[in-house]
Amino acid sequence: MARIRQDEALIREAYALFDEFYRSTQGYRDKCRANEEYWKANHWHDRAPKEPNEPQPVTPTLFSTLEAMLADVMDCYPEALIMGVEPRDDAMAERLTHLIKFVLKRRNHRKVYREKSRSALIKGTSVQEVFWDPAIGGGMGDVSVREWDIANFAWDPKFEDIQQGRAVFKVGFYPRSWYKTHYPQQAELIKGDEYALRGEMDYVTSDRSQEIMLLEYWRREYLPEERRYRVHFSKLAGGALLEDSRAMHPEGIYAHGMYPFIVEPLYPLSGQPVGLGVVDVLKNLQQYADQLDQIIMKNALTASKMKLLVNRSADIDEPSLLNCDAELVRGARIDEGAVRWMQTAPLSSYVLHYQQMKLQAIKEESGQNLFNRGESRGGVTAASAILALQEAGSKRSRLIIDQLFDGFERLVRMLISVIQENYTEQRFFRIDGNREQLFAYGGDGEREIDFDVSIHVQKQTAYTTLYQNELALQLLRVGVIQPADALEMMAFEGKEKILKRAQEIPLGAQLPAPQAT
């Protein structure tokens, strides 16, 4: 990589804006770090014991609750259906649907979706980046998606929408050897900076003196004559300019003119692009429950050690008294007042009950109630009944999933924009991995279309699937639908193969519908 011209004005502007943004958002960043410690069940780490060997117990109820909510989210992993606005665009929309599904699977988006959903639950905000990676796709390049930690992301605090902000920043820390490998022409210009030595900077190694901050500076420019935005980015480290997209893309790196980031708050804060997480809402309950557990444990430890009260005037031989093998203990006075056992008084049962109430409140307030956790009581075994109870008790999870679907739609639209801009050569793809079904996309013959995006669940949960299959069988038994229609309604492994076989059977040879029993 050739050495690029050092734009001193750009360098000063980037670092000045970054310092402003980072200071303004430091409180939120501190909150994110504290939330992560609660999730890791390590929230005693900053509290010194008041006495030696003081217990600091943790019941990981908050952790298990968050993981259960994450399981609900992943049970409803989304899938996009692209629909053309005009009838003539239906074929193109269908190809885009298959293409988006193929790209997300190749980029292992399920893992990215899980990581960003967990980040949203814990820290309150998730960040995804949609970018063109020239190193993949057999050298042709391809679109990709990655999750980025909100703690290493800086935004303009003056705007609720990051797309309206003056800039956004991505932050990373790397040793000098990394820069010598990746930017050999600029490595000698990189100076050591103080950012890695600051206590508030996130996720740096223990040897902070060897770390240098890599700053990715994204900014948008408005072109009033063309009534559009263009977006540029620069990479800086140690006061040196390493990359500048204006050299290769003077008209903007992406045609959509937006910052290539999807920022999703879980519980949005007014006037800010970030929000609160589940940990913010429930961590006090976890803290109080663990403090009560500490009181209970200290009482149990004290009660487990029997103590002797010895009257000084009795002149008891204490070494012999403490020696279990001694057969003789001498004393000046032997009576009931000379030696007495001391037993620690037990705690009130209310304390034990109150601690359990706090732990139960975490489950109830998060929406992870009895039926959502897969438990049932009172003889409820029917799939339809269990599903009804789950639906009634999972309102919070459904709301979170709906919000994540909104972010997924924005992601899909940005993916399509980057694909349409960069697929300059025709490429061939398989439909759902089927070797016999190929389609082509890209090249000069492709045209952009207006489209709508419909988001639905890729795979239903076990109880939802069971309920749907039961409904299909009931409709078949009463003669409302035909066997082929019932098969279409049902969901099970290998359905496509059975449908294909059923379509090959002549109409007259189809089996009659089973009679109601």
Protein backbone atom coordinates (compact mmCIF):
# COMPACT_ATOMS: atom_id res chain seq x y z
CA MET A 1 0.00 0.00 0.00
CA ALA A 2 1.48 3.33 -1.09
CA ARG A 3 1.94 6.10 1.42
CA ILE A 4 -0.93 8.58 1.28
CA ARG A 5 -0.72 12.32 1.76
CA GLN A 6 -1.10 13.40 5.39
CA ASP A 7 -4.07 15.76 5.57
CA GLU A 8 -3.28 17.61 8.81
CA ALA A 9 -6.62 19.44 8.86
CA LEU A 10 -8.50 16.14 8.56
CA ILE A 11 -6.37 14.55 11.29
CA ARG A 12 -7.01 17.42 13.72
CA GLU A 13 -10.73 17.41 12.91
CA ALA A 14 -11.03 13.64 13.46
CA TYR A 15 -9.32 13.58 16.85
CA ALA A 16 -11.16 16.70 18.07
CA LEU A 17 -14.57 15.23 17.17
CA PHE A 18 -13.67 11.87 18.65
CA ASP A 19 -12.62 13.42 21.96
CA GLU A 20 -15.89 15.38 22.08
CA PHE A 21 -18.05 12.34 21.29
CA TYR A 22 -16.17 9.98 23.58
CA ARG A 23 -16.31 12.28 26.60
CA SER A 24 -20.02 12.94 26.08
CA THR A 25 -20.87 9.24 25.91
CA GLN A 26 -18.53 8.04 28.67
CA GLY A 27 -21.36 7.61 31.18
CA TYR A 28 -23.20 5.23 28.88
CA ARG A 29 -19.99 3.31 28.29
CA ASP A 30 -19.39 2.93 32.02
CA LYS A 31 -22.92 1.62 32.38
CA CYS A 32 -22.27 -0.97 29.67
CA ARG A 33 -19.18 -2.24 31.47
CA ALA A 34 -21.07 -2.51 34.77
CA ASN A 35 -23.93 -4.38 33.06
CA GLU A 36 -21.53 -6.89 31.58
CA GLU A 37 -20.12 -7.61 35.03
CA TYR A 38 -23.67 -8.30 36.28
CA TRP A 39 -24.24 -10.66 33.35
CA LYS A 40 -20.98 -12.47 34.18
CA ALA A 41 -22.14 -12.74 37.84
CA ASN A 42 -19.10 -10.71 38.84
CA HIS A 43 -20.77 -7.64 40.33
CA TRP A 44 -18.92 -8.02 43.65
CA HIS A 45 -15.62 -7.27 41.89
CA ASP A 46 -15.53 -3.60 42.91
CA ARG A 47 -16.69 -4.12 46.51
CA ALA A 48 -13.97 -4.98 49.01
CA PRO A 49 -15.02 -7.41 51.79
CA LYS A 50 -15.75 -5.67 55.09
CA GLU A 51 -14.01 -8.46 56.96
CA PRO A 52 -11.61 -11.29 56.05
CA ASN A 53 -13.20 -14.32 54.36
CA GLU A 54 -16.53 -12.54 54.04
CA PRO A 55 -18.70 -14.51 51.58
CA GLN A 56 -19.78 -12.80 48.36
CA PRO A 57 -22.36 -15.25 46.98
CA VAL A 58 -23.97 -14.95 43.56
CA THR A 59 -27.08 -16.72 42.33
CA PRO A 60 -26.92 -16.45 38.51
CA THR A 61 -30.64 -15.82 38.09
CA LEU A 62 -30.08 -12.72 35.95
CA PHE A 63 -27.67 -14.60 33.69
CA SER A 64 -30.05 -17.54 33.16
CA THR A 65 -32.96 -15.16 32.60
CA LEU A 66 -31.07 -13.25 29.89
CA GLU A 67 -29.99 -16.46 28.19
CA ALA A 68 -33.60 -17.68 28.23
CA MET A 69 -34.71 -14.42 26.60
CA LEU A 70 -31.93 -14.83 24.03
CA ALA A 71 -33.22 -18.33 23.31
CA ASP A 72 -36.67 -16.83 22.65
CA VAL A 73 -35.10 -14.38 20.22
CA MET A 74 -33.15 -17.07 18.38
CA ASP A 75 -36.25 -19.27 18.18
CA CYS A 76 -37.67 -16.46 16.05
CA TYR A 77 -34.64 -15.90 13.81
CA PRO A 78 -35.93 -13.76 10.92
CA GLU A 79 -36.03 -14.33 7.20
CA ALA A 80 -36.70 -11.68 4.54
CA LEU A 81 -39.19 -11.89 1.69
CA ILE A 82 -38.58 -9.31 -1.04
CA MET A 83 -41.69 -8.19 -2.94
CA GLY A 84 -41.64 -6.04 -6.05
CA VAL A 85 -43.83 -2.95 -6.06
CA GLU A 86 -44.80 -3.56 -9.70
CA PRO A 87 -45.93 -6.94 -11.08
CA ARG A 88 -43.09 -7.00 -13.62
CA ASP A 89 -40.60 -6.92 -10.74
CA ASP A 90 -41.79 -10.15 -9.11
CA ALA A 91 -39.16 -12.36 -10.76
CA MET A 92 -36.37 -9.97 -9.76
CA ALA A 93 -37.73 -9.77 -6.21
CA GLU A 94 -37.77 -13.55 -5.94
CA ARG A 95 -34.12 -13.72 -7.01
CA LEU A 96 -33.22 -11.06 -4.44
CA THR A 97 -35.01 -13.09 -1.75
CA HIS A 98 -32.91 -16.16 -2.55
CA LEU A 99 -29.76 -14.04 -2.84
CA ILE A 100 -30.17 -12.38 0.56
CA LYS A 101 -30.81 -15.77 2.16
CA PHE A 102 -27.68 -17.18 0.47
CA VAL A 103 -25.47 -14.23 1.47
CA LEU A 104 -26.59 -14.23 5.11
CA LYS A 105 -26.00 -17.95 5.39
CA ARG A 106 -22.51 -17.69 3.85
CA ARG A 107 -21.64 -14.83 6.21
CA ASN A 108 -22.84 -16.88 9.21
CA HIS A 109 -25.35 -14.19 10.10
CA ARG A 110 -27.11 -16.37 12.66
CA LYS A 111 -24.00 -16.03 14.86
CA VAL A 112 -23.89 -12.26 14.25
CA TYR A 113 -27.60 -12.00 15.08
CA ARG A 114 -27.08 -13.93 18.32
CA GLU A 115 -24.13 -11.76 19.36
CA LYS A 116 -25.89 -8.48 18.64
CA SER A 117 -29.09 -9.66 20.38
CA ARG A 118 -27.11 -10.63 23.48
CA SER A 119 -25.38 -7.24 23.39
CA ALA A 120 -28.75 -5.48 23.20
CA LEU A 121 -30.12 -7.45 26.17
CA ILE A 122 -27.06 -6.77 28.31
CA LYS A 123 -25.90 -3.30 27.29
CA GLY A 124 -29.09 -1.88 25.78
CA THR A 125 -27.78 -1.25 22.25
CA SER A 126 -26.42 -3.34 19.41
CA VAL A 127 -24.41 -2.26 16.36
CA GLN A 128 -24.11 -4.08 13.04
CA GLU A 129 -21.95 -2.99 10.13
CA VAL A 130 -22.76 -3.76 6.49
CA PHE A 131 -19.60 -3.52 4.42
CA TRP A 132 -18.03 -4.61 1.14
CA ASP A 133 -15.18 -7.05 1.74
CA PRO A 134 -12.88 -7.29 -1.30
CA ALA A 135 -11.04 -10.30 0.15
CA ILE A 136 -13.95 -12.77 -0.09
CA GLY A 137 -16.03 -14.12 -2.96
CA GLY A 138 -13.11 -15.73 -4.76
CA GLY A 139 -11.35 -12.41 -5.23
CA MET A 140 -14.46 -10.68 -6.61
CA GLY A 141 -15.42 -9.30 -3.22
CA ASP A 142 -18.79 -9.62 -1.53
CA VAL A 143 -21.04 -7.93 0.98
CA SER A 144 -20.63 -8.92 4.62
CA VAL A 145 -22.09 -8.19 8.07
CA ARG A 146 -20.42 -8.00 11.47
CA GLU A 147 -21.41 -7.05 14.97
CA TRP A 148 -19.50 -4.21 16.65
CA ASP A 149 -19.35 -3.57 20.38
CA ILE A 150 -21.19 -0.38 21.35
CA ALA A 151 -18.40 0.22 23.91
CA ASN A 152 -15.99 0.68 20.99
CA PHE A 153 -18.31 2.94 19.00
CA ALA A 154 -18.70 6.71 19.35
CA TRP A 155 -21.65 8.72 18.03
CA ASP A 156 -22.78 12.32 17.90
CA PRO A 157 -24.65 12.95 21.18
CA LYS A 158 -26.58 15.85 19.64
CA PHE A 159 -28.77 13.62 17.45
CA GLU A 160 -31.14 10.74 18.08
CA ASP A 161 -30.48 9.24 14.63
CA ILE A 162 -26.81 8.52 13.89
CA GLN A 163 -27.47 9.25 10.20
CA GLN A 164 -28.03 12.89 11.14
CA GLY A 165 -24.83 13.13 13.18
CA ARG A 166 -21.65 14.92 12.18
CA ALA A 167 -19.68 11.67 12.30
CA VAL A 168 -19.40 8.22 13.84
CA PHE A 169 -16.27 6.40 15.01
CA LYS A 170 -15.16 2.82 15.36
CA VAL A 171 -12.35 2.17 17.84
CA GLY A 172 -9.85 -0.67 18.14
CA PHE A 173 -6.49 -1.19 19.82
CA TYR A 174 -3.57 -2.99 18.20
CA PRO A 175 0.15 -3.45 18.96
CA ARG A 176 2.73 -1.61 16.86
CA SER A 177 3.71 -4.87 15.18
CA TRP A 178 0.21 -5.08 13.71
CA TYR A 179 0.58 -1.67 12.08
CA LYS A 180 3.99 -2.61 10.67
CA THR A 181 2.37 -5.62 9.00
CA HIS A 182 -0.79 -3.94 7.69
CA TYR A 183 0.50 -0.41 7.01
CA PRO A 184 4.26 -0.71 6.39
CA GLN A 185 4.46 2.59 4.48
CA GLN A 186 2.83 4.60 7.27
CA ALA A 187 4.19 2.65 10.28
CA GLU A 188 7.05 5.07 10.88
CA LEU A 189 4.60 7.98 11.04
CA ILE A 190 2.56 6.37 13.82
CA LYS A 191 3.36 7.82 17.22
CA GLY A 192 2.48 6.36 20.56
CA ASP A 193 -0.70 7.94 21.90
CA GLU A 194 -2.20 8.32 25.33
CA TYR A 195 -5.59 6.78 24.53
CA ALA A 196 -4.58 3.23 25.41
CA LEU A 197 -3.23 4.44 28.76
CA ARG A 198 -6.51 6.05 29.78
CA GLY A 199 -8.40 4.08 32.38
CA GLU A 200 -11.74 4.61 30.64
CA MET A 201 -10.73 3.10 27.31
CA ASP A 202 -12.28 -0.29 26.73
CA TYR A 203 -10.83 -3.71 26.04
CA VAL A 204 -7.12 -3.05 25.80
CA THR A 205 -4.47 -5.56 26.74
CA SER A 206 -2.67 -5.56 30.06
CA ASP A 207 0.46 -4.12 28.40
CA ARG A 208 -1.20 -0.83 27.51
CA SER A 209 2.07 0.89 26.66
CA GLN A 210 2.28 -1.22 23.48
CA GLU A 211 -1.28 -0.49 22.32
CA ILE A 212 -2.12 2.17 19.75
CA MET A 213 -5.70 3.19 19.00
CA LEU A 214 -6.99 2.60 15.46
CA LEU A 215 -9.65 5.20 14.75
CA GLU A 216 -12.13 4.70 11.91
CA TYR A 217 -13.66 8.08 11.13
CA TRP A 218 -16.93 8.07 9.14
CA ARG A 219 -18.51 11.33 7.94
CA ARG A 220 -21.34 12.34 5.61
CA GLU A 221 -21.37 15.28 3.20
CA TYR A 222 -24.55 16.79 1.78
CA LEU A 223 -24.57 17.81 -1.89
CA PRO A 224 -27.34 20.43 -2.22
CA GLU A 225 -27.18 20.52 -6.03
CA GLU A 226 -27.76 16.77 -6.25
CA ARG A 227 -29.91 16.60 -3.11
CA ARG A 228 -28.09 13.58 -1.77
CA TYR A 229 -25.43 12.56 0.74
CA ARG A 230 -22.11 10.90 0.17
CA VAL A 231 -20.17 9.08 2.85
CA HIS A 232 -16.40 8.83 3.36
CA PHE A 233 -14.19 7.17 5.91
CA SER A 234 -10.60 7.53 7.07
CA LYS A 235 -8.41 5.35 9.27
CA LEU A 236 -6.01 7.02 11.69
CA ALA A 237 -3.56 5.79 14.32
CA GLY A 238 -1.03 7.62 16.44
CA GLY A 239 -1.71 10.93 14.71
CA ALA A 240 -1.11 9.48 11.21
CA LEU A 241 -3.59 9.09 8.36
CA LEU A 242 -3.53 5.46 7.18
CA GLU A 243 -6.44 5.32 4.71
CA ASP A 244 -8.73 7.85 3.07
CA SER A 245 -11.67 6.66 0.98
CA ARG A 246 -11.66 9.91 -1.03
CA ALA A 247 -8.60 8.69 -2.94
CA MET A 248 -10.43 5.69 -4.43
CA HIS A 249 -14.05 6.84 -4.12
CA PRO A 250 -14.29 10.63 -4.47
CA GLU A 251 -18.08 10.37 -4.95
CA GLY A 252 -18.54 8.38 -1.76
CA ILE A 253 -17.72 4.84 -0.74
CA TYR A 254 -21.35 3.66 -0.84
CA ALA A 255 -24.07 4.80 -3.22
CA HIS A 256 -26.70 4.81 -0.48
CA GLY A 257 -24.82 7.68 1.21
CA MET A 258 -25.47 6.44 4.75
CA TYR A 259 -23.25 5.39 7.60
CA PRO A 260 -23.07 1.60 7.10
CA PHE A 261 -24.18 0.87 10.65
CA ILE A 262 -27.46 -0.43 12.06
CA VAL A 263 -27.72 0.88 15.64
CA GLU A 264 -30.62 -0.69 17.57
CA PRO A 265 -31.56 0.37 21.12
CA LEU A 266 -33.54 -2.17 23.12
CA TYR A 267 -35.43 0.32 25.32
CA PRO A 268 -34.73 3.67 23.56
CA LEU A 269 -33.69 6.73 25.54
CA SER A 270 -35.31 9.96 24.39
CA GLY A 271 -33.01 12.08 22.23
CA GLN A 272 -30.29 9.43 22.03
CA PRO A 273 -29.54 6.66 19.53
CA VAL A 274 -28.86 4.22 22.40
CA GLY A 275 -31.05 2.68 25.07
CA LEU A 276 -31.35 0.61 28.21
CA GLY A 277 -30.98 -3.15 28.42
CA VAL A 278 -32.70 -5.82 30.46
CA VAL A 279 -29.78 -5.74 32.91
CA ASP A 280 -30.45 -2.04 33.58
CA VAL A 281 -33.98 -2.88 34.65
CA LEU A 282 -33.25 -5.99 36.72
CA LYS A 283 -29.74 -5.61 38.13
CA ASN A 284 -30.92 -3.98 41.37
CA LEU A 285 -33.09 -7.01 42.08
CA GLN A 286 -30.08 -9.27 41.53
CA GLN A 287 -27.91 -7.10 43.77
CA TYR A 288 -30.43 -7.07 46.63
CA ALA A 289 -31.00 -10.82 46.35
CA ASP A 290 -27.26 -11.47 46.57
CA GLN A 291 -26.87 -9.11 49.53
CA LEU A 292 -29.64 -10.99 51.32
CA ASP A 293 -27.90 -14.22 50.37
CA GLN A 294 -24.72 -12.84 51.93
CA ILE A 295 -26.56 -12.18 55.20
CA ILE A 296 -28.03 -15.69 55.16
CA MET A 297 -24.68 -17.29 54.40
CA LYS A 298 -22.85 -15.34 57.10
CA ASN A 299 -25.50 -16.42 59.59
CA ALA A 300 -25.19 -20.04 58.45
CA LEU A 301 -21.39 -19.98 58.72
CA THR A 302 -21.55 -18.45 62.18
CA ALA A 303 -24.19 -20.93 63.36
CA SER A 304 -22.16 -23.88 62.07
CA LYS A 305 -19.35 -23.08 64.51
CA MET A 306 -20.25 -23.79 68.13
CA LYS A 307 -18.57 -21.51 70.68
CA LEU A 308 -17.84 -21.98 74.37
CA LEU A 309 -18.35 -19.24 76.94
CA VAL A 310 -15.86 -19.70 79.80
CA ASN A 311 -16.12 -17.80 83.08
CA ARG A 312 -12.72 -16.31 83.96
CA SER A 313 -13.27 -16.87 87.68
CA ALA A 314 -13.73 -20.61 87.11
CA ASP A 315 -10.04 -20.88 86.15
CA ILE A 316 -10.74 -23.63 83.60
CA ASP A 317 -7.74 -25.25 81.87
CA GLU A 318 -8.61 -24.03 78.33
CA PRO A 319 -6.07 -26.19 76.39
CA SER A 320 -7.53 -29.31 77.99
CA LEU A 321 -11.05 -28.05 77.33
CA LEU A 322 -10.29 -27.62 73.62
CA ASN A 323 -8.48 -30.96 73.35
CA CYS A 324 -11.00 -33.59 72.32
CA ASP A 325 -8.68 -36.40 73.45
CA ALA A 326 -8.17 -35.05 76.98
CA GLU A 327 -9.91 -37.16 79.60
CA LEU A 328 -9.38 -34.67 82.43
CA VAL A 329 -10.11 -30.92 82.57
CA ARG A 330 -9.11 -29.09 85.73
CA GLY A 331 -10.83 -25.98 87.09
CA ALA A 332 -11.15 -23.96 90.29
CA ARG A 333 -14.95 -24.10 90.04
CA ILE A 334 -17.12 -26.63 88.25
CA ASP A 335 -20.78 -25.64 87.93
CA GLU A 336 -23.33 -24.47 85.33
CA GLY A 337 -21.90 -20.96 85.29
CA ALA A 338 -18.33 -22.06 84.56
CA VAL A 339 -18.80 -23.20 80.93
CA ARG A 340 -21.71 -22.65 78.55
CA TRP A 341 -22.32 -23.34 74.87
CA MET A 342 -23.19 -20.29 72.69
CA GLN A 343 -25.48 -20.84 69.69
CA THR A 344 -25.97 -18.15 67.02
CA ALA A 345 -29.62 -17.16 66.74
CA PRO A 346 -31.15 -18.16 63.37
CA LEU A 347 -32.52 -15.54 61.01
CA SER A 348 -36.22 -14.95 60.72
CA SER A 349 -37.91 -17.05 58.04
CA TYR A 350 -39.07 -13.78 56.49
CA VAL A 351 -35.48 -13.02 55.42
CA LEU A 352 -35.23 -16.36 53.59
CA HIS A 353 -38.59 -15.82 51.95
CA TYR A 354 -37.74 -12.25 50.95
CA GLN A 355 -34.53 -13.36 49.23
CA GLN A 356 -36.48 -15.92 47.20
CA MET A 357 -39.06 -13.26 46.35
CA LYS A 358 -36.31 -11.08 44.82
CA LEU A 359 -35.03 -13.93 42.66
CA GLN A 360 -38.56 -14.80 41.56
CA ALA A 361 -39.21 -11.15 40.73
CA ILE A 362 -36.36 -11.24 38.20
CA LYS A 363 -38.06 -14.10 36.35
CA GLU A 364 -41.53 -12.56 36.51
CA GLU A 365 -40.52 -9.01 35.56
CA SER A 366 -38.47 -10.27 32.61
CA GLY A 367 -41.43 -12.25 31.29
CA GLN A 368 -39.60 -15.57 31.79
CA ASN A 369 -42.40 -17.13 33.77
CA LEU A 370 -43.22 -20.76 34.47
CA PHE A 371 -44.52 -21.70 31.03
CA ASN A 372 -41.92 -19.70 29.09
CA ARG A 373 -39.23 -21.73 30.83
CA GLY A 374 -40.81 -24.95 29.57
CA GLU A 375 -42.39 -25.93 32.90
CA SER A 376 -46.05 -26.75 33.43
CA ARG A 377 -48.29 -27.43 36.38
CA GLY A 378 -51.85 -28.44 36.96
CA GLY A 379 -51.87 -31.15 34.26
CA VAL A 380 -51.51 -28.79 31.28
CA THR A 381 -50.11 -31.00 28.50
CA ALA A 382 -51.99 -30.09 25.29
CA ALA A 383 -49.86 -28.19 22.79
CA SER A 384 -52.62 -25.66 22.12
CA ALA A 385 -53.05 -24.95 25.85
CA ILE A 386 -49.32 -24.61 26.46
CA LEU A 387 -48.99 -22.35 23.40
CA ALA A 388 -51.84 -20.15 24.64
CA LEU A 389 -50.20 -19.78 28.06
CA GLN A 390 -46.82 -19.06 26.47
CA GLU A 391 -48.32 -16.41 24.22
CA ALA A 392 -50.05 -14.75 27.16
CA GLY A 393 -46.85 -14.68 29.19
CA SER A 394 -44.32 -13.71 26.51
CA LYS A 395 -45.44 -10.19 25.66
CA ARG A 396 -42.07 -8.66 26.48
CA SER A 397 -40.20 -11.19 24.39
CA ARG A 398 -42.55 -10.58 21.45
CA LEU A 399 -42.02 -6.83 21.73
CA ILE A 400 -38.24 -7.29 21.72
CA ILE A 401 -38.46 -9.65 18.74
CA ASP A 402 -40.61 -7.15 16.81
CA GLN A 403 -38.02 -4.44 17.43
CA LEU A 404 -35.23 -6.71 16.24
CA PHE A 405 -37.23 -7.47 13.11
CA ASP A 406 -37.34 -3.72 12.36
CA GLY A 407 -33.56 -3.62 12.54
CA PHE A 408 -33.31 -6.72 10.36
CA GLU A 409 -35.41 -5.01 7.67
CA ARG A 410 -33.03 -2.03 7.68
CA LEU A 411 -30.13 -4.45 7.41
CA VAL A 412 -31.67 -6.21 4.40
CA ARG A 413 -32.30 -2.92 2.59
CA MET A 414 -28.69 -1.86 3.13
CA LEU A 415 -27.45 -5.26 1.95
CA ILE A 416 -29.45 -4.99 -1.26
CA SER A 417 -28.15 -1.49 -1.90
CA VAL A 418 -24.51 -2.61 -1.53
CA ILE A 419 -25.17 -5.69 -3.70
CA GLN A 420 -26.78 -3.68 -6.49
CA GLU A 421 -23.87 -1.24 -6.43
CA ASN A 422 -21.02 -3.78 -6.44
CA TYR A 423 -22.26 -6.86 -8.32
CA THR A 424 -20.83 -5.60 -11.62
CA GLU A 425 -20.23 -9.14 -12.90
CA GLN A 426 -22.74 -11.92 -13.23
CA ARG A 427 -22.64 -14.48 -10.42
CA PHE A 428 -24.44 -17.80 -9.98
CA PHE A 429 -26.09 -19.01 -6.79
CA ARG A 430 -27.91 -22.12 -5.64
CA ILE A 431 -31.40 -21.97 -4.19
CA ASP A 432 -31.32 -23.37 -0.65
CA GLY A 433 -28.22 -25.41 -1.49
CA ASN A 434 -30.10 -27.35 -4.22
CA ARG A 435 -27.62 -28.43 -6.90
CA GLU A 436 -30.37 -28.56 -9.52
CA GLN A 437 -31.68 -25.03 -8.94
CA LEU A 438 -29.38 -22.20 -9.99
CA PHE A 439 -30.03 -18.53 -10.60
CA ALA A 440 -27.83 -15.70 -11.82
CA TYR A 441 -27.52 -12.18 -10.51
CA GLY A 442 -25.28 -9.22 -11.34
CA GLY A 443 -23.77 -7.68 -14.43
CA ASP A 444 -24.86 -4.90 -16.74
CA GLY A 445 -28.23 -6.49 -17.43
CA GLU A 446 -29.51 -6.03 -13.88
CA ARG A 447 -31.73 -3.13 -13.00
CA GLU A 448 -32.68 -1.67 -9.67
CA ILE A 449 -36.28 -2.06 -8.56
CA ASP A 450 -38.53 -0.62 -5.91
CA PHE A 451 -39.38 -3.27 -3.38
CA ASP A 452 -40.99 -3.95 -0.05
CA VAL A 453 -39.49 -6.19 2.62
CA SER A 454 -41.62 -8.59 4.64
CA ILE A 455 -39.98 -10.16 7.69
CA HIS A 456 -41.18 -13.48 9.05
CA VAL A 457 -39.85 -16.18 11.36
CA GLN A 458 -37.58 -18.63 9.57
CA LYS A 459 -38.52 -21.59 11.77
CA GLN A 460 -41.44 -21.88 14.15
CA THR A 461 -40.92 -22.98 17.76
CA ALA A 462 -41.68 -26.60 18.67
CA TYR A 463 -45.03 -25.82 20.33
CA THR A 464 -46.10 -23.49 17.50
CA THR A 465 -45.23 -26.16 14.93
CA LEU A 466 -47.12 -28.80 16.90
CA TYR A 467 -50.17 -26.55 17.19
CA GLN A 468 -50.07 -25.77 13.46
CA ASN A 469 -49.84 -29.48 12.58
CA GLU A 470 -52.71 -30.34 14.95
CA LEU A 471 -54.86 -27.66 13.32
CA ALA A 472 -54.14 -29.03 9.85
CA LEU A 473 -55.09 -32.56 10.92
CA GLN A 474 -58.32 -31.35 12.56
CA LEU A 475 -59.35 -29.48 9.41
CA LEU A 476 -58.54 -32.58 7.37
CA ARG A 477 -60.64 -34.82 9.64
CA VAL A 478 -63.75 -32.68 9.30
CA GLY A 479 -63.32 -32.54 5.52
CA VAL A 480 -62.69 -28.81 5.20
CA ILE A 481 -59.41 -29.28 3.32
CA GLN A 482 -57.83 -31.96 1.13
CA PRO A 483 -54.72 -33.99 2.10
CA ALA A 484 -52.51 -31.92 -0.20
CA ASP A 485 -53.72 -28.71 1.48
CA ALA A 486 -53.09 -30.17 4.94
CA LEU A 487 -49.57 -31.10 3.88
CA GLU A 488 -48.95 -27.51 2.75
CA MET A 489 -50.10 -26.20 6.13
CA MET A 490 -47.91 -28.53 8.17
CA ALA A 491 -44.30 -27.96 9.17
CA PHE A 492 -41.84 -30.82 9.66
CA GLU A 493 -38.43 -32.04 8.53
CA GLY A 494 -38.43 -33.40 4.98
CA LYS A 495 -41.70 -31.69 4.01
CA GLU A 496 -40.34 -30.59 0.61
CA LYS A 497 -39.55 -34.16 -0.45
CA ILE A 498 -42.99 -35.44 0.56
CA LEU A 499 -44.66 -32.54 -1.25
CA LYS A 500 -42.71 -33.37 -4.38
CA ARG A 501 -43.76 -37.03 -4.18
CA ALA A 502 -47.38 -36.08 -3.54
CA GLN A 503 -47.40 -33.89 -6.64
CA GLU A 504 -46.18 -36.83 -8.73
CA ILE A 505 -49.12 -39.05 -7.64
CA PRO A 506 -52.05 -38.89 -10.13
CA LEU A 507 -55.08 -37.10 -8.80
CA GLY A 508 -57.26 -40.20 -8.90
CA ALA A 509 -54.71 -42.22 -6.95
CA GLN A 510 -54.66 -39.92 -3.94
CA LEU A 511 -55.71 -41.50 -0.69
CA PRO A 512 -59.05 -40.40 0.78
CA ALA A 513 -59.08 -38.21 3.83
CA PRO A 514 -59.12 -40.16 7.11
CA GLN A 515 -62.42 -40.33 8.97
CA ALA A 516 -62.88 -38.54 12.28
CA THR A 517 -62.44 -40.83 15.26
